[in-house]
Protein backbone atom coordinates (compact mmCIF):
# COMPACT_ATOMS: atom_id res chain seq x y z
CA MET A 1 -5.66 15.46 9.27
CA ARG A 2 -4.32 12.40 7.47
CA HIS A 3 -5.11 11.81 3.82
CA LEU A 4 -7.75 9.30 2.85
CA SER A 5 -6.45 6.06 1.39
CA LYS A 6 -7.44 5.11 -2.17
CA ARG A 7 -10.13 2.80 -0.82
CA ALA A 8 -11.44 5.41 1.62
CA ASN A 9 -11.65 7.93 -1.25
CA GLN A 10 -13.65 5.34 -3.18
CA VAL A 11 -15.92 4.91 -0.13
CA VAL A 12 -16.61 8.67 -0.12
CA LYS A 13 -17.37 8.63 -3.86
CA LEU A 14 -19.76 5.70 -3.37
CA ALA A 15 -21.36 7.47 -0.40
CA HIS A 16 -22.08 10.48 -2.63
CA GLU A 17 -23.66 8.15 -5.19
CA ALA A 18 -25.81 6.53 -2.48
CA ALA A 19 -27.00 9.96 -1.31
CA GLN A 20 -27.94 10.85 -4.90
CA GLU A 21 -29.84 7.56 -5.24
CA TYR A 22 -31.84 8.49 -2.15
CA GLY A 23 -32.47 11.93 -3.63
CA GLN A 24 -30.76 13.57 -0.67
CA GLY A 25 -29.13 16.97 -0.73
CA TYR A 26 -26.50 15.86 1.75
CA VAL A 27 -24.21 12.90 2.41
CA GLY A 28 -24.98 11.35 5.76
CA THR A 29 -23.47 8.63 7.87
CA GLU A 30 -25.91 6.10 6.43
CA HIS A 31 -24.57 6.86 2.94
CA LEU A 32 -21.00 6.51 4.21
CA LEU A 33 -21.91 3.10 5.61
CA LEU A 34 -23.34 2.06 2.24
CA GLY A 35 -20.15 3.36 0.59
CA ILE A 36 -18.02 1.12 2.81
CA ILE A 37 -20.10 -1.93 1.89
CA ARG A 38 -20.15 -1.07 -1.82
CA GLU A 39 -16.38 -0.62 -1.92
CA GLY A 40 -16.24 -4.29 -0.94
CA THR A 41 -12.48 -4.93 -0.62
CA SER A 42 -11.34 -2.99 2.44
CA LEU A 43 -11.09 -4.42 5.94
CA GLY A 44 -14.07 -2.22 6.84
CA ALA A 45 -16.16 -3.83 4.08
CA ARG A 46 -15.00 -7.33 5.02
CA ILE A 47 -15.95 -6.76 8.67
CA LEU A 48 -19.45 -5.76 7.63
CA LEU A 49 -19.90 -8.49 5.03
CA ASP A 50 -18.50 -11.17 7.37
CA HIS A 51 -21.23 -10.21 9.84
CA GLY A 52 -24.00 -10.39 7.26
CA ALA A 53 -24.26 -6.67 6.58
CA THR A 54 -24.96 -6.92 2.85
CA GLU A 55 -25.88 -3.85 0.84
CA HIS A 56 -29.46 -5.11 0.50
CA TRP A 57 -29.90 -5.62 4.26
CA THR A 58 -28.19 -2.34 5.11
CA LYS A 59 -30.44 -0.40 2.72
CA ALA A 60 -33.49 -2.12 4.24
CA VAL A 61 -32.42 -1.08 7.76
CA VAL A 62 -31.62 2.47 6.58
CA ASP A 63 -35.06 2.71 4.96
CA GLU A 64 -36.80 1.35 8.05
CA LEU A 65 -35.01 3.71 10.43
CA ALA A 66 -35.49 6.68 8.09
CA ASN A 67 -39.21 6.02 7.91
CA LYS A 68 -39.43 5.81 11.71
CA GLY A 69 -37.58 9.11 12.00
CA LEU A 70 -39.65 11.09 9.49
CA ASP A 71 -41.90 12.61 12.14
CA GLU A 72 -38.92 13.58 14.28
CA THR A 73 -37.12 15.06 11.29
CA TRP A 74 -40.15 17.12 10.36
CA VAL A 75 -40.48 18.46 13.88
CA THR A 76 -36.83 19.35 14.40
CA GLY A 77 -36.16 20.48 10.84
CA ARG A 78 -32.88 18.54 10.78
CA LEU A 79 -32.07 15.76 8.37
CA PRO A 80 -30.89 12.65 10.26
CA GLY A 81 -27.15 12.10 10.13
CA SER A 82 -26.15 15.22 8.24
CA PRO A 83 -24.51 17.01 11.19
CA HIS A 84 -22.38 13.94 11.87
CA PHE A 85 -20.84 13.35 8.44
CA MET A 86 -17.76 15.57 8.85
CA ASP A 87 -17.31 14.45 12.44
CA VAL A 88 -16.74 10.91 11.13
CA PHE A 89 -13.54 12.04 9.42
CA ALA A 90 -12.17 13.80 12.51
CA ARG A 91 -12.89 10.74 14.62
CA ALA A 92 -11.44 8.40 11.97
CA ASP A 93 -8.29 10.53 11.95
CA ARG A 94 -7.92 10.11 15.72
CA ILE A 95 -8.47 6.35 15.41
CA ALA A 96 -5.83 6.07 12.66
CA LEU A 97 -3.40 8.11 14.76
CA ARG A 98 -4.02 5.92 17.82
CA LEU A 99 -3.30 2.82 15.71
CA GLY A 100 -0.17 4.39 14.20
CA HIS A 101 -1.57 4.41 10.64
CA SER A 102 -0.50 7.08 8.18
CA GLN A 103 -3.82 7.25 6.30
CA ILE A 104 -7.52 7.13 7.08
CA CYS A 105 -8.86 3.83 5.80
CA ALA A 106 -12.39 2.49 5.35
CA GLU A 107 -12.05 0.53 8.58
CA HIS A 108 -11.23 3.74 10.47
CA LEU A 109 -14.39 5.30 9.01
CA LEU A 110 -16.37 2.25 10.15
CA ALA A 111 -14.95 2.49 13.67
CA ALA A 112 -15.70 6.23 13.72
CA LEU A 113 -19.33 5.56 12.74
CA LEU A 114 -19.59 3.34 15.80
CA THR A 115 -18.62 6.27 18.04
CA LEU A 116 -21.32 8.61 16.72
CA THR A 117 -24.25 7.61 18.90
CA GLY A 118 -27.46 9.09 17.60
CA SER A 119 -26.34 9.19 13.97
CA MET A 120 -28.15 7.15 11.34
CA GLY A 121 -24.96 5.19 10.54
CA TYR A 122 -24.55 4.23 14.19
CA GLU A 123 -28.19 3.20 14.50
CA VAL A 124 -28.00 1.06 11.35
CA LEU A 125 -24.85 -0.68 12.58
CA ARG A 126 -26.43 -1.25 15.98
CA ALA A 127 -29.59 -2.68 14.42
CA MET A 128 -27.44 -5.12 12.43
CA GLY A 129 -25.47 -6.20 15.50
CA ILE A 130 -22.16 -4.62 14.45
CA SER A 131 -20.26 -3.35 17.49
CA MET A 132 -16.97 -1.62 18.21
CA GLU A 133 -15.79 -4.87 19.76
CA ILE A 134 -16.22 -6.62 16.40
CA VAL A 135 -14.22 -3.90 14.62
CA GLU A 136 -11.47 -3.84 17.24
CA ASN A 137 -11.17 -7.64 17.11
CA ALA A 138 -10.77 -7.42 13.33
CA PHE A 139 -8.03 -4.81 13.76
CA HIS A 140 -6.17 -7.12 16.15
CA GLU A 141 -6.68 -10.24 14.03
CA GLN A 142 -5.48 -8.54 10.87
CA ALA A 143 -2.64 -6.71 12.63
CA VAL A 144 -3.39 -3.88 10.24
CA THR A 145 -0.41 -1.58 9.72
CA GLY A 146 -1.75 0.39 6.79
CA CYS A 147 -4.22 0.43 3.97
CA SER A 148 -4.51 1.45 0.35
C-alpha cells in the first residue's frame, strides 16, 4: 500500500480527534469525512467546501443520521461505520494506483468514501449531494498528478 501524503496523515489525525469529540471508541468513516473537511487545504477538502459541505453542516448530518441509526445499532450490536474505516484506505490505494499517483491523498480518501455504500461517511456525503461524479470532475479539472 502507498504511503499517506502529509495532508492525508493530517486528515487521519483530525479524524481521531473528531472520534474523541464524539466520545467514540473507534474512528469511523464519518470521522474521516470530518477530518478531510477540517484539514481544509487538500483537493478533497476543496471539493467538499466548494459544494457547501462545511464542518458545521457535515456534523449536523452526521448527528441526524447517527440518531436515526441508534435503534439499528442497538439491535445489531455494531457501531455504524466502524467496519468500513480500514477498507477506505485499501480502496483509496487502488484509486491512487489507477490515477498513477505515488501517495494516498485526501481526495483519494474522499473518493473511497463514496464507494463504501452503507457506511456513515457515504450516507453523509449522499445526504449532502456529493457524488463520485463531482470528485472525478475535480480530478480531471485539476489534472492532479500528486499531492503533499
